[in-house]
C-alpha atoms as a PDB file:
ATOM      1  CA  MET A   1       0.000   0.000   0.000  1.00  0.00           C
ATOM      2  CA  ALA A   2       0.969   3.628  -0.083  1.00  0.00           C
ATOM      3  CA  HIS A   3       3.317   5.111   2.457  1.00  0.00           C
ATOM      4  CA  ILE A   4       0.547   7.044   4.220  1.00  0.00           C
ATOM      5  CA  ASP A   5      -1.405   3.834   4.713  1.00  0.00           C
ATOM      6  CA  ARG A   6       1.495   2.282   6.650  1.00  0.00           C
ATOM      7  CA  ARG A   7       1.751   4.968   9.321  1.00  0.00           C
ATOM      8  CA  PRO A   8       0.613   3.883  12.765  1.00  0.00           C
ATOM      9  CA  GLY A   9      -2.737   5.132  13.946  1.00  0.00           C
ATOM     10  CA  ILE A  10      -6.396   4.405  13.792  1.00  0.00           C
ATOM     11  CA  ARG A  11      -8.120   5.047  10.501  1.00  0.00           C
ATOM     12  CA  PRO A  12     -10.786   3.314   8.462  1.00  0.00           C
ATOM     13  CA  ARG A  13      -9.776   0.633   6.035  1.00  0.00           C
ATOM     14  CA  PRO A  14      -9.081   2.063   2.574  1.00  0.00           C
ATOM     15  CA  SER A  15     -12.009   1.737   0.247  1.00  0.00           C
ATOM     16  CA  LEU A  16     -11.863  -0.228  -2.976  1.00  0.00           C
ATOM     17  CA  GLY A  17     -11.578   3.010  -4.911  1.00  0.00           C
ATOM     18  CA  ARG A  18      -8.620   4.143  -2.801  1.00  0.00           C
ATOM     19  CA  ARG A  19      -6.868   0.799  -3.236  1.00  0.00           C
ATOM     20  CA  LEU A  20      -7.424   0.877  -7.009  1.00  0.00           C
ATOM     21  CA  ASP A  21      -6.111   4.454  -7.083  1.00  0.00           C
ATOM     22  CA  ILE A  22      -2.949   3.388  -5.241  1.00  0.00           C
ATOM     23  CA  ILE A  23      -2.430   0.475  -7.642  1.00  0.00           C
ATOM     24  CA  ALA A  24      -2.966   2.683 -10.698  1.00  0.00           C
ATOM     25  CA  ARG A  25      -0.529   5.308  -9.415  1.00  0.00           C
ATOM     26  CA  SER A  26       2.046   2.609  -8.653  1.00  0.00           C
ATOM     27  CA  CYS A  27       1.712   1.125 -12.148  1.00  0.00           C
ATOM     28  CA  PHE A  28       2.016   4.492 -13.906  1.00  0.00           C
ATOM     29  CA  PRO A  29       5.839   4.538 -14.310  1.00  0.00           C
ATOM     30  CA  GLY A  30       6.017   1.101 -15.904  1.00  0.00           C
ATOM     31  CA  CYS A  31       3.055   1.826 -18.164  1.00  0.00           C
ATOM     32  CA  ALA A  32       4.527   5.186 -19.185  1.00  0.00           C
ATOM     33  CA  VAL A  33       7.806   3.514 -20.172  1.00  0.00           C
ATOM     34  CA  LEU A  34       5.930   0.893 -22.185  1.00  0.00           C
ATOM     35  CA  LEU A  35       3.893   3.590 -23.930  1.00  0.00           C
ATOM     36  CA  LEU A  36       7.041   5.518 -24.843  1.00  0.00           C
ATOM     37  CA  MET A  37       8.606   2.328 -26.172  1.00  0.00           C
ATOM     38  CA  LEU A  38       5.578   1.704 -28.370  1.00  0.00           C
ATOM     39  CA  LEU A  39       5.642   5.306 -29.618  1.00  0.00           C
ATOM     40  CA  THR A  40       9.224   4.837 -30.805  1.00  0.00           C
ATOM     41  CA  GLN A  41       8.010   2.050 -33.083  1.00  0.00           C
ATOM     42  CA  VAL A  42       5.457   4.196 -34.931  1.00  0.00           C
ATOM     43  CA  PRO A  43       6.772   4.670 -38.497  1.00  0.00           C
ATOM     44  CA  PHE A  44       7.414   8.417 -38.553  1.00  0.00           C
ATOM     45  CA  GLY A  45      10.107   8.111 -41.224  1.00  0.00           C
ATOM     46  CA  ILE A  46      12.704   9.809 -39.035  1.00  0.00           C
ATOM     47  CA  ARG A  47      16.308   9.017 -39.868  1.00  0.00           C
ATOM     48  CA  GLY A  48      17.922   7.086 -37.003  1.00  0.00           C
ATOM     49  CA  GLN A  49      14.557   6.203 -35.466  1.00  0.00           C
ATOM     50  CA  ALA A  50      15.812   2.733 -34.507  1.00  0.00           C
ATOM     51  CA  GLU A  51      18.131   4.304 -31.923  1.00  0.00           C
ATOM     52  CA  LEU A  52      15.180   6.042 -30.266  1.00  0.00           C
ATOM     53  CA  LEU A  53      13.995   2.840 -28.586  1.00  0.00           C
ATOM     54  CA  PRO A  54      17.076   2.214 -26.416  1.00  0.00           C
ATOM     55  CA  ALA A  55      17.592   5.939 -25.814  1.00  0.00           C
ATOM     56  CA  VAL A  56      14.040   6.572 -24.601  1.00  0.00           C
ATOM     57  CA  THR A  57      13.927   3.364 -22.593  1.00  0.00           C
ATOM     58  CA  LEU A  58      17.246   4.110 -20.935  1.00  0.00           C
ATOM     59  CA  GLY A  59      16.211   7.643 -19.967  1.00  0.00           C
ATOM     60  CA  ALA A  60      12.807   6.567 -18.670  1.00  0.00           C
ATOM     61  CA  VAL A  61      14.194   3.710 -16.570  1.00  0.00           C
ATOM     62  CA  TRP A  62      16.876   6.034 -15.158  1.00  0.00           C
ATOM     63  CA  PHE A  63      14.306   8.687 -14.232  1.00  0.00           C
ATOM     64  CA  TRP A  64      11.836   6.344 -12.529  1.00  0.00           C
ATOM     65  CA  SER A  65      14.604   4.392 -10.803  1.00  0.00           C
ATOM     66  CA  LEU A  66      15.737   7.649  -9.235  1.00  0.00           C
ATOM     67  CA  ALA A  67      12.317   9.131  -8.551  1.00  0.00           C
ATOM     68  CA  ARG A  68      10.269   6.095  -7.471  1.00  0.00           C
ATOM     69  CA  PRO A  69      12.359   2.928  -7.222  1.00  0.00           C
ATOM     70  CA  ASP A  70       9.494   1.192  -5.423  1.00  0.00           C
ATOM     71  CA  THR A  71       7.355   1.464  -8.571  1.00  0.00           C
ATOM     72  CA  MET A  72      10.220   0.422 -10.864  1.00  0.00           C
ATOM     73  CA  PRO A  73      11.502  -2.788  -9.231  1.00  0.00           C
ATOM     74  CA  PRO A  74      14.063  -5.029 -10.968  1.00  0.00           C
ATOM     75  CA  PRO A  75      11.460  -7.521 -12.303  1.00  0.00           C
ATOM     76  CA  VAL A  76       9.630  -4.672 -14.077  1.00  0.00           C
ATOM     77  CA  VAL A  77      12.928  -3.347 -15.452  1.00  0.00           C
ATOM     78  CA  PHE A  78      13.787  -6.856 -16.642  1.00  0.00           C
ATOM     79  CA  LEU A  79      10.455  -7.206 -18.477  1.00  0.00           C
ATOM     80  CA  ILE A  80      10.886  -3.768 -20.037  1.00  0.00           C
ATOM     81  CA  GLY A  81      14.360  -4.817 -21.154  1.00  0.00           C
ATOM     82  CA  LEU A  82      13.095  -8.054 -22.684  1.00  0.00           C
ATOM     83  CA  LEU A  83      10.413  -6.143 -24.571  1.00  0.00           C
ATOM     84  CA  ALA A  84      13.050  -3.669 -25.777  1.00  0.00           C
ATOM     85  CA  ASP A  85      15.152  -6.612 -26.975  1.00  0.00           C
ATOM     86  CA  LEU A  86      12.214  -8.011 -28.924  1.00  0.00           C
ATOM     87  CA  MET A  87      11.242  -4.638 -30.368  1.00  0.00           C
ATOM     88  CA  GLY A  88      14.810  -3.643 -31.204  1.00  0.00           C
ATOM     89  CA  TYR A  89      15.789  -6.917 -32.872  1.00  0.00           C
ATOM     90  CA  VAL A  90      18.905  -7.383 -30.752  1.00  0.00           C
ATOM     91  CA  PRO A  91      19.921 -10.672 -29.157  1.00  0.00           C
ATOM     92  CA  LEU A  92      17.642 -11.502 -26.258  1.00  0.00           C
ATOM     93  CA  GLY A  93      18.890 -10.270 -22.899  1.00  0.00           C
ATOM     94  CA  ILE A  94      21.162  -7.413 -23.955  1.00  0.00           C
ATOM     95  CA  CYS A  95      18.795  -4.538 -23.196  1.00  0.00           C
ATOM     96  CA  ALA A  96      17.460  -6.361 -20.145  1.00  0.00           C
ATOM     97  CA  PHE A  97      20.969  -6.728 -18.722  1.00  0.00           C
ATOM     98  CA  THR A  98      21.900  -3.140 -19.570  1.00  0.00           C
ATOM     99  CA  LEU A  99      18.697  -1.687 -18.103  1.00  0.00           C
ATOM    100  CA  LEU A 100      19.141  -3.717 -14.916  1.00  0.00           C
ATOM    101  CA  ALA A 101      22.679  -2.342 -14.608  1.00  0.00           C
ATOM    102  CA  VAL A 102      21.417   1.223 -15.167  1.00  0.00           C
ATOM    103  CA  HIS A 103      18.651   0.633 -12.622  1.00  0.00           C
ATOM    104  CA  GLY A 104      21.213  -0.610 -10.089  1.00  0.00           C
ATOM    105  CA  VAL A 105      23.414   2.445 -10.607  1.00  0.00           C
ATOM    106  CA  ALA A 106      20.437   4.792 -10.300  1.00  0.00           C
ATOM    107  CA  VAL A 107      19.173   3.172  -7.110  1.00  0.00           C
ATOM    108  CA  SER A 108      22.639   3.162  -5.548  1.00  0.00           C
ATOM    109  CA  LEU A 109      23.172   6.864  -6.379  1.00  0.00           C
ATOM    110  CA  ARG A 110      19.635   7.884  -5.432  1.00  0.00           C
ATOM    111  CA  ARG A 111      20.389   9.297  -1.975  1.00  0.00           C
ATOM    112  CA  PHE A 112      23.382  11.261  -3.252  1.00  0.00           C
ATOM    113  CA  LEU A 113      21.540  12.687  -6.266  1.00  0.00           C
ATOM    114  CA  ALA A 114      18.434  13.607  -4.256  1.00  0.00           C
ATOM    115  CA  ARG A 115      20.356  16.484  -2.670  1.00  0.00           C
ATOM    116  CA  HIS A 116      21.522  17.898  -5.987  1.00  0.00           C
ATOM    117  CA  GLY A 117      19.913  19.586  -8.942  1.00  0.00           C
ATOM    118  CA  PHE A 118      19.063  18.524 -12.442  1.00  0.00           C
ATOM    119  CA  ALA A 119      22.449  19.507 -13.901  1.00  0.00           C
ATOM    120  CA  LEU A 120      24.358  16.956 -11.813  1.00  0.00           C
ATOM    121  CA  ILE A 121      21.710  14.280 -12.386  1.00  0.00           C
ATOM    122  CA  TRP A 122      21.940  14.872 -16.133  1.00  0.00           C
ATOM    123  CA  SER A 123      25.754  14.845 -16.041  1.00  0.00           C
ATOM    124  CA  ILE A 124      25.863  11.513 -14.245  1.00  0.00           C
ATOM    125  CA  TYR A 125      23.149  10.165 -16.538  1.00  0.00           C
ATOM    126  CA  SER A 126      25.268  11.233 -19.505  1.00  0.00           C
ATOM    127  CA  LEU A 127      28.149   9.117 -18.278  1.00  0.00           C
ATOM    128  CA  VAL A 128      25.833   6.181 -17.530  1.00  0.00           C
ATOM    129  CA  ALA A 129      24.145   6.479 -20.945  1.00  0.00           C
ATOM    130  CA  PHE A 130      27.499   6.506 -22.720  1.00  0.00           C
ATOM    131  CA  VAL A 131      28.705   3.418 -20.843  1.00  0.00           C
ATOM    132  CA  ALA A 132      25.351   1.659 -21.407  1.00  0.00           C
ATOM    133  CA  SER A 133      25.433   2.391 -25.148  1.00  0.00           C
ATOM    134  CA  MET A 134      28.981   1.077 -25.400  1.00  0.00           C
ATOM    135  CA  LEU A 135      27.956  -2.008 -23.405  1.00  0.00           C
ATOM    136  CA  ILE A 136      25.057  -2.705 -25.770  1.00  0.00           C
ATOM    137  CA  TRP A 137      27.384  -2.268 -28.759  1.00  0.00           C
ATOM    138  CA  LEU A 138      29.977  -4.614 -27.253  1.00  0.00           C
ATOM    139  CA  LEU A 139      27.433  -7.271 -26.287  1.00  0.00           C
ATOM    140  CA  VAL A 140      25.784  -7.194 -29.725  1.00  0.00           C
ATOM    141  CA  MET A 141      29.202  -7.683 -31.336  1.00  0.00           C
ATOM    142  CA  LEU A 142      30.135 -10.523 -28.995  1.00  0.00           C
ATOM    143  CA  LEU A 143      26.835 -12.354 -29.368  1.00  0.00           C
ATOM    144  CA  SER A 144      26.613 -11.976 -33.143  1.00  0.00           C
ATOM    145  CA  PHE A 145      30.313 -12.715 -33.814  1.00  0.00           C
ATOM    146  CA  ARG A 146      30.592  -9.681 -36.092  1.00  0.00           C
ATOM    147  CA  TYR A 147      32.333  -6.355 -35.896  1.00  0.00           C
ATOM    148  CA  PHE A 148      30.124  -3.286 -36.070  1.00  0.00           C
ATOM    149  CA  PRO A 149      31.559   0.219 -36.244  1.00  0.00           C
ATOM    150  CA  PRO A 150      30.966   2.198 -33.037  1.00  0.00           C
ATOM    151  CA  ASP A 151      29.196   5.029 -34.898  1.00  0.00           C
ATOM    152  CA  GLY A 152      25.746   3.646 -34.091  1.00  0.00           C
ATOM    153  CA  ALA A 153      26.595   3.277 -30.416  1.00  0.00           C
ATOM    154  CA  LEU A 154      27.970   6.817 -30.234  1.00  0.00           C
ATOM    155  CA  PHE A 155      24.860   8.163 -31.964  1.00  0.00           C
ATOM    156  CA  GLN A 156      22.686   6.203 -29.552  1.00  0.00           C
ATOM    157  CA  ALA A 157      24.612   7.625 -26.576  1.00  0.00           C
ATOM    158  CA  VAL A 158      24.326  11.205 -27.839  1.00  0.00           C
ATOM    159  CA  LEU A 159      20.628  10.693 -28.564  1.00  0.00           C
ATOM    160  CA  ALA A 160      20.023   9.220 -25.087  1.00  0.00           C
ATOM    161  CA  ILE A 161      21.805  12.156 -23.467  1.00  0.00           C
ATOM    162  CA  ALA A 162      20.005  14.755 -25.585  1.00  0.00           C
ATOM    163  CA  ILE A 163      16.541  13.264 -25.158  1.00  0.00           C
ATOM    164  CA  TYR A 164      16.715  12.917 -21.365  1.00  0.00           C
ATOM    165  CA  PRO A 165      15.470  16.467 -20.556  1.00  0.00           C
ATOM    166  CA  VAL A 166      12.566  15.959 -22.968  1.00  0.00           C
ATOM    167  CA  ILE A 167      11.624  12.831 -21.016  1.00  0.00           C
ATOM    168  CA  ALA A 168      12.430  14.159 -17.540  1.00  0.00           C
ATOM    169  CA  ILE A 169      10.283  17.304 -17.658  1.00  0.00           C
ATOM    170  CA  PRO A 170       6.891  15.615 -18.189  1.00  0.00           C
ATOM    171  CA  PHE A 171       7.901  12.684 -15.978  1.00  0.00           C
ATOM    172  CA  SER A 172       8.813  15.000 -13.100  1.00  0.00           C
ATOM    173  CA  ALA A 173       5.425  16.708 -13.425  1.00  0.00           C
ATOM    174  CA  ALA A 174       3.769  13.285 -13.384  1.00  0.00           C
ATOM    175  CA  HIS A 175       5.919  12.264 -10.429  1.00  0.00           C
ATOM    176  CA  ARG A 176       4.574  15.175  -8.415  1.00  0.00           C
ATOM    177  CA  SER A 177       0.968  14.470  -9.385  1.00  0.00           C
ATOM    178  CA  ILE A 178      -0.240  11.328 -11.147  1.00  0.00           C
ATOM    179  CA  ALA A 179       2.404   8.817 -10.110  1.00  0.00           C
ATOM    180  CA  ASP A 180       2.429   9.668  -6.398  1.00  0.00           C
ATOM    181  CA  PRO A 181       0.575   6.939  -4.490  1.00  0.00           C
ATOM    182  CA  ASP A 182       0.905   8.914  -1.235  1.00  0.00           C
ATOM    183  CA  ARG A 183      -1.246  11.686  -2.622  1.00  0.00           C
ATOM    184  CA  VAL A 184      -4.670  11.711  -1.056  1.00  0.00           C
END
């Protein structure tokens, strides 16, 4: 249940509507990531659109792992990663492994980054996104037994870094309103 429902004291049992509201608010981050992933697959005809899927997924998982790690647990991140693998036509497990690593870094740095502003969060995300893009590139090469030039991985890293503010602004507004299960 929500944090306010766990505080000691006497209060009536939450109604069915309240419990459904808490569940819906808790599911919002995962559903929002899935919706963004599906939107990257719409054929807009944009050059380099294939790199949008890992970039958007990486930024969204990073944001929700920092903001509400209780609503973005590792099993949800794993399922999002598997879906990204299937949608991105990469060997199964690469995005799942990379997203779990990014989630672990975000959760471990959460207390430190909570005291700082967006500029430091974005700077650290930039480093994490670069390493994650290089990791995906390396794992794809190792699992397919082929050499691929690093241009695609560098483009994916730059795209992930550049798109993060576009993702973070609406997500932070949602974090303060829709996705907050403690809100009465």
